[in-house]
Amino acid sequence: MSKHHVTTNINGEPVEFLCEAQQTMLDVLRDELHLTGSKEGCGSGDCGACSVILDGKVVCSCLMLGVEAEGRKVITIEGIAQGDKLHPVQQKFLEHAALQCGFCTPGLIVAAKALLDENLNPTEEETRYWLAGNLCRCTGYDKVIRAVLDAAAVMRGEPGASVST
């Protein structure tokens, strides 16, 4: 089979790769680019473990073809932190113990970041709705929601809200 040359931007860096026409973005990320933070949970877009941000919108990378990344901007879990400095969502996930086995965590963090990029003052209901596409068998979601709302307060610069370092 012939491979397609794709030029894109992943986590703020220009990236080029070769992929087969039917290869998913998830497979490209994991197998070609060795960005293994995104997980394959279902392969059908039902669990959200493979969520990435594509041009500002959350997508399941298992439902996207690698060739569709041509000329686009992709953010994966590896691109959320700034060097050693965690994003407030990541820090609040740790502080609130909003993770257990960790399999769903990358997708939840990516989706939460996308929410806060779009709406820095979400209600609990809006947060639950936004994260509804991310399934978790361990946490019960309450700690996840609290972490996201707390991260939003930090990002808004509210008095008393802080990220531990």
C-alpha atoms as a PDB file:
ATOM      1  CA  MET A   1       0.000   0.000   0.000  1.00  0.00           C
ATOM      2  CA  SER A   2       1.140   3.514  -0.660  1.00  0.00           C
ATOM      3  CA  LYS A   3       1.648   5.894   2.198  1.00  0.00           C
ATOM      4  CA  HIS A   4       0.524   9.497   2.309  1.00  0.00           C
ATOM      5  CA  HIS A   5       2.755  12.357   3.387  1.00  0.00           C
ATOM      6  CA  VAL A   6       1.055  14.516   6.003  1.00  0.00           C
ATOM      7  CA  THR A   7       2.280  17.884   7.259  1.00  0.00           C
ATOM      8  CA  THR A   8       0.609  19.098  10.418  1.00  0.00           C
ATOM      9  CA  ASN A   9       1.178  20.783  13.770  1.00  0.00           C
ATOM     10  CA  ILE A  10       1.125  18.617  16.864  1.00  0.00           C
ATOM     11  CA  ASN A  11       1.456  20.151  20.311  1.00  0.00           C
ATOM     12  CA  GLY A  12       2.732  23.404  18.851  1.00  0.00           C
ATOM     13  CA  GLU A  13       5.440  21.801  16.708  1.00  0.00           C
ATOM     14  CA  PRO A  14       5.480  21.243  12.941  1.00  0.00           C
ATOM     15  CA  VAL A  15       5.328  17.506  12.253  1.00  0.00           C
ATOM     16  CA  GLU A  16       5.518  15.402   9.114  1.00  0.00           C
ATOM     17  CA  PHE A  17       4.646  11.730   8.915  1.00  0.00           C
ATOM     18  CA  LEU A  18       3.742   8.990   6.484  1.00  0.00           C
ATOM     19  CA  CYS A  19       0.578   6.968   6.982  1.00  0.00           C
ATOM     20  CA  GLU A  20      -1.681   4.626   5.122  1.00  0.00           C
ATOM     21  CA  ALA A  21      -5.015   6.027   3.941  1.00  0.00           C
ATOM     22  CA  GLN A  22      -7.049   3.952   6.412  1.00  0.00           C
ATOM     23  CA  GLN A  23      -4.749   4.505   9.422  1.00  0.00           C
ATOM     24  CA  THR A  24      -6.460   6.299  12.314  1.00  0.00           C
ATOM     25  CA  MET A  25      -4.971   9.365  13.929  1.00  0.00           C
ATOM     26  CA  LEU A  26      -4.765   7.379  17.158  1.00  0.00           C
ATOM     27  CA  ASP A  27      -2.609   4.758  15.451  1.00  0.00           C
ATOM     28  CA  VAL A  28      -0.442   7.467  13.893  1.00  0.00           C
ATOM     29  CA  LEU A  29       0.032   9.168  17.266  1.00  0.00           C
ATOM     30  CA  ARG A  30       0.899   5.963  19.070  1.00  0.00           C
ATOM     31  CA  ASP A  31       2.710   3.916  16.427  1.00  0.00           C
ATOM     32  CA  GLU A  32       4.343   6.468  14.126  1.00  0.00           C
ATOM     33  CA  LEU A  33       4.925   9.462  16.405  1.00  0.00           C
ATOM     34  CA  HIS A  34       5.326   7.540  19.694  1.00  0.00           C
ATOM     35  CA  LEU A  35       2.889   9.820  21.545  1.00  0.00           C
ATOM     36  CA  THR A  36       1.322   7.097  23.655  1.00  0.00           C
ATOM     37  CA  GLY A  37      -0.692   9.211  26.106  1.00  0.00           C
ATOM     38  CA  SER A  38      -3.896   8.868  24.085  1.00  0.00           C
ATOM     39  CA  LYS A  39      -5.405   5.448  24.770  1.00  0.00           C
ATOM     40  CA  GLU A  40      -7.559   3.143  22.694  1.00  0.00           C
ATOM     41  CA  GLY A  41     -10.474   2.126  24.845  1.00  0.00           C
ATOM     42  CA  CYS A  42     -13.174   1.236  22.361  1.00  0.00           C
ATOM     43  CA  GLY A  43     -12.115   2.028  18.797  1.00  0.00           C
ATOM     44  CA  SER A  44     -15.615   3.345  18.088  1.00  0.00           C
ATOM     45  CA  GLY A  45     -15.658   6.845  19.618  1.00  0.00           C
ATOM     46  CA  ASP A  46     -17.713   5.822  22.635  1.00  0.00           C
ATOM     47  CA  CYS A  47     -15.233   6.144  25.520  1.00  0.00           C
ATOM     48  CA  GLY A  48     -13.180   9.316  24.932  1.00  0.00           C
ATOM     49  CA  ALA A  49      -9.872   7.770  26.070  1.00  0.00           C
ATOM     50  CA  CYS A  50      -8.272   8.839  22.772  1.00  0.00           C
ATOM     51  CA  SER A  51      -9.550  12.439  22.822  1.00  0.00           C
ATOM     52  CA  VAL A  52      -7.394  15.109  21.201  1.00  0.00           C
ATOM     53  CA  ILE A  53      -8.051  18.747  20.374  1.00  0.00           C
ATOM     54  CA  LEU A  54      -8.226  19.304  16.610  1.00  0.00           C
ATOM     55  CA  ASP A  55      -8.320  22.959  15.590  1.00  0.00           C
ATOM     56  CA  GLY A  56      -9.871  23.832  18.959  1.00  0.00           C
ATOM     57  CA  LYS A  57     -12.494  21.057  19.041  1.00  0.00           C
ATOM     58  CA  VAL A  58     -12.414  17.772  20.947  1.00  0.00           C
ATOM     59  CA  VAL A  59     -12.393  14.726  18.671  1.00  0.00           C
ATOM     60  CA  CYS A  60     -11.870  11.020  19.205  1.00  0.00           C
ATOM     61  CA  SER A  61      -8.630  10.238  17.419  1.00  0.00           C
ATOM     62  CA  CYS A  62      -9.848   6.659  16.838  1.00  0.00           C
ATOM     63  CA  LEU A  63     -12.528   8.069  14.508  1.00  0.00           C
ATOM     64  CA  MET A  64     -10.225  10.394  12.590  1.00  0.00           C
ATOM     65  CA  LEU A  65      -7.902   9.324   9.829  1.00  0.00           C
ATOM     66  CA  GLY A  66      -4.280  10.380  10.051  1.00  0.00           C
ATOM     67  CA  VAL A  67      -4.496  11.943   6.587  1.00  0.00           C
ATOM     68  CA  GLU A  68      -7.192  14.292   7.929  1.00  0.00           C
ATOM     69  CA  ALA A  69      -4.543  16.008  10.054  1.00  0.00           C
ATOM     70  CA  GLU A  70      -3.054  17.618   6.946  1.00  0.00           C
ATOM     71  CA  GLY A  71      -2.606  21.346   7.627  1.00  0.00           C
ATOM     72  CA  ARG A  72      -4.390  21.163  10.988  1.00  0.00           C
ATOM     73  CA  LYS A  73      -3.438  21.740  14.625  1.00  0.00           C
ATOM     74  CA  VAL A  74      -3.596  18.787  17.008  1.00  0.00           C
ATOM     75  CA  ILE A  75      -3.105  18.904  20.765  1.00  0.00           C
ATOM     76  CA  THR A  76      -2.618  15.651  22.641  1.00  0.00           C
ATOM     77  CA  ILE A  77      -2.239  15.007  26.357  1.00  0.00           C
ATOM     78  CA  GLU A  78       1.526  15.381  25.862  1.00  0.00           C
ATOM     79  CA  GLY A  79       0.974  18.999  24.769  1.00  0.00           C
ATOM     80  CA  ILE A  80      -1.140  20.131  27.734  1.00  0.00           C
ATOM     81  CA  ALA A  81       1.669  20.863  30.214  1.00  0.00           C
ATOM     82  CA  GLN A  82       4.203  23.602  29.519  1.00  0.00           C
ATOM     83  CA  GLY A  83       7.499  21.787  30.045  1.00  0.00           C
ATOM     84  CA  ASP A  84       7.581  20.696  33.670  1.00  0.00           C
ATOM     85  CA  LYS A  85       4.734  23.059  34.615  1.00  0.00           C
ATOM     86  CA  LEU A  86       1.418  21.246  34.747  1.00  0.00           C
ATOM     87  CA  HIS A  87      -1.697  22.840  33.309  1.00  0.00           C
ATOM     88  CA  PRO A  88      -4.156  23.823  36.095  1.00  0.00           C
ATOM     89  CA  VAL A  89      -6.477  20.975  35.013  1.00  0.00           C
ATOM     90  CA  GLN A  90      -3.659  18.462  35.443  1.00  0.00           C
ATOM     91  CA  GLN A  91      -2.666  19.900  38.807  1.00  0.00           C
ATOM     92  CA  LYS A  92      -6.241  19.894  40.089  1.00  0.00           C
ATOM     93  CA  PHE A  93      -6.730  16.286  38.936  1.00  0.00           C
ATOM     94  CA  LEU A  94      -3.815  15.405  41.207  1.00  0.00           C
ATOM     95  CA  GLU A  95      -4.996  17.548  44.123  1.00  0.00           C
ATOM     96  CA  HIS A  96      -8.562  16.205  43.959  1.00  0.00           C
ATOM     97  CA  ALA A  97      -7.445  12.591  43.372  1.00  0.00           C
ATOM     98  CA  ALA A  98      -9.603  12.677  40.226  1.00  0.00           C
ATOM     99  CA  LEU A  99      -7.933   9.623  38.756  1.00  0.00           C
ATOM    100  CA  GLN A 100      -7.515   6.030  39.721  1.00  0.00           C
ATOM    101  CA  CYS A 101      -6.324   3.554  37.107  1.00  0.00           C
ATOM    102  CA  GLY A 102      -5.446   6.449  34.781  1.00  0.00           C
ATOM    103  CA  PHE A 103      -6.627   4.905  31.521  1.00  0.00           C
ATOM    104  CA  CYS A 104      -9.345   7.520  30.907  1.00  0.00           C
ATOM    105  CA  THR A 105      -7.369  10.389  32.462  1.00  0.00           C
ATOM    106  CA  PRO A 106      -5.632  11.678  29.302  1.00  0.00           C
ATOM    107  CA  GLY A 107      -8.946  11.961  27.447  1.00  0.00           C
ATOM    108  CA  LEU A 108     -10.674  13.609  30.405  1.00  0.00           C
ATOM    109  CA  ILE A 109      -7.874  16.152  30.815  1.00  0.00           C
ATOM    110  CA  VAL A 110      -7.830  16.955  27.091  1.00  0.00           C
ATOM    111  CA  ALA A 111     -11.626  17.396  27.055  1.00  0.00           C
ATOM    112  CA  ALA A 112     -11.550  19.509  30.230  1.00  0.00           C
ATOM    113  CA  LYS A 113      -8.860  21.770  28.752  1.00  0.00           C
ATOM    114  CA  ALA A 114     -10.955  22.216  25.613  1.00  0.00           C
ATOM    115  CA  LEU A 115     -13.959  23.136  27.763  1.00  0.00           C
ATOM    116  CA  LEU A 116     -12.004  25.742  29.714  1.00  0.00           C
ATOM    117  CA  ASP A 117     -10.468  27.118  26.521  1.00  0.00           C
ATOM    118  CA  GLU A 118     -14.027  27.789  25.346  1.00  0.00           C
ATOM    119  CA  ASN A 119     -15.733  28.628  28.654  1.00  0.00           C
ATOM    120  CA  LEU A 120     -13.742  29.674  31.716  1.00  0.00           C
ATOM    121  CA  ASN A 121     -16.840  29.793  33.890  1.00  0.00           C
ATOM    122  CA  PRO A 122     -18.769  26.565  33.276  1.00  0.00           C
ATOM    123  CA  THR A 123     -21.509  25.420  35.596  1.00  0.00           C
ATOM    124  CA  GLU A 124     -21.399  21.953  37.083  1.00  0.00           C
ATOM    125  CA  GLU A 125     -24.124  20.899  34.653  1.00  0.00           C
ATOM    126  CA  GLU A 126     -22.200  22.275  31.653  1.00  0.00           C
ATOM    127  CA  THR A 127     -19.043  20.514  32.837  1.00  0.00           C
ATOM    128  CA  ARG A 128     -20.833  17.183  33.236  1.00  0.00           C
ATOM    129  CA  TYR A 129     -22.416  17.576  29.804  1.00  0.00           C
ATOM    130  CA  TRP A 130     -19.089  18.483  28.175  1.00  0.00           C
ATOM    131  CA  LEU A 131     -17.321  15.475  29.711  1.00  0.00           C
ATOM    132  CA  ALA A 132     -20.184  13.036  29.030  1.00  0.00           C
ATOM    133  CA  GLY A 133     -18.285  11.542  26.103  1.00  0.00           C
ATOM    134  CA  ASN A 134     -15.488  10.390  28.414  1.00  0.00           C
ATOM    135  CA  LEU A 135     -16.201   7.164  30.228  1.00  0.00           C
ATOM    136  CA  CYS A 136     -14.526   6.145  33.468  1.00  0.00           C
ATOM    137  CA  ARG A 137     -15.103   2.957  35.420  1.00  0.00           C
ATOM    138  CA  CYS A 138     -13.162   3.988  38.528  1.00  0.00           C
ATOM    139  CA  THR A 139     -13.764   7.541  39.729  1.00  0.00           C
ATOM    140  CA  GLY A 140     -17.512   8.098  39.902  1.00  0.00           C
ATOM    141  CA  TYR A 141     -16.859  11.475  38.172  1.00  0.00           C
ATOM    142  CA  ASP A 142     -17.502  13.755  41.172  1.00  0.00           C
ATOM    143  CA  LYS A 143     -13.805  14.311  41.841  1.00  0.00           C
ATOM    144  CA  VAL A 144     -13.256  14.907  38.123  1.00  0.00           C
ATOM    145  CA  ILE A 145     -15.961  17.579  38.030  1.00  0.00           C
ATOM    146  CA  ARG A 146     -14.621  19.242  41.203  1.00  0.00           C
ATOM    147  CA  ALA A 147     -11.113  19.271  39.729  1.00  0.00           C
ATOM    148  CA  VAL A 148     -12.288  20.912  36.496  1.00  0.00           C
ATOM    149  CA  LEU A 149     -14.342  23.555  38.319  1.00  0.00           C
ATOM    150  CA  ASP A 150     -11.420  24.264  40.669  1.00  0.00           C
ATOM    151  CA  ALA A 151      -9.049  24.565  37.694  1.00  0.00           C
ATOM    152  CA  ALA A 152     -11.478  27.025  36.100  1.00  0.00           C
ATOM    153  CA  ALA A 153     -11.361  29.179  39.244  1.00  0.00           C
ATOM    154  CA  VAL A 154      -7.550  29.167  39.123  1.00  0.00           C
ATOM    155  CA  MET A 155      -7.563  30.082  35.442  1.00  0.00           C
ATOM    156  CA  ARG A 156      -9.995  32.941  36.123  1.00  0.00           C
ATOM    157  CA  GLY A 157      -7.584  34.202  38.794  1.00  0.00           C
ATOM    158  CA  GLU A 158     -10.154  34.066  41.575  1.00  0.00           C
ATOM    159  CA  PRO A 159      -8.924  35.098  45.012  1.00  0.00           C
ATOM    160  CA  GLY A 160      -8.089  32.051  47.108  1.00  0.00           C
ATOM    161  CA  ALA A 161      -7.805  29.763  44.083  1.00  0.00           C
ATOM    162  CA  SER A 162      -4.294  28.515  43.527  1.00  0.00           C
ATOM    163  CA  VAL A 163      -2.368  25.702  42.023  1.00  0.00           C
ATOM    164  CA  SER A 164       0.033  23.956  44.363  1.00  0.00           C
ATOM    165  CA  THR A 165       3.596  23.660  43.101  1.00  0.00           C
END
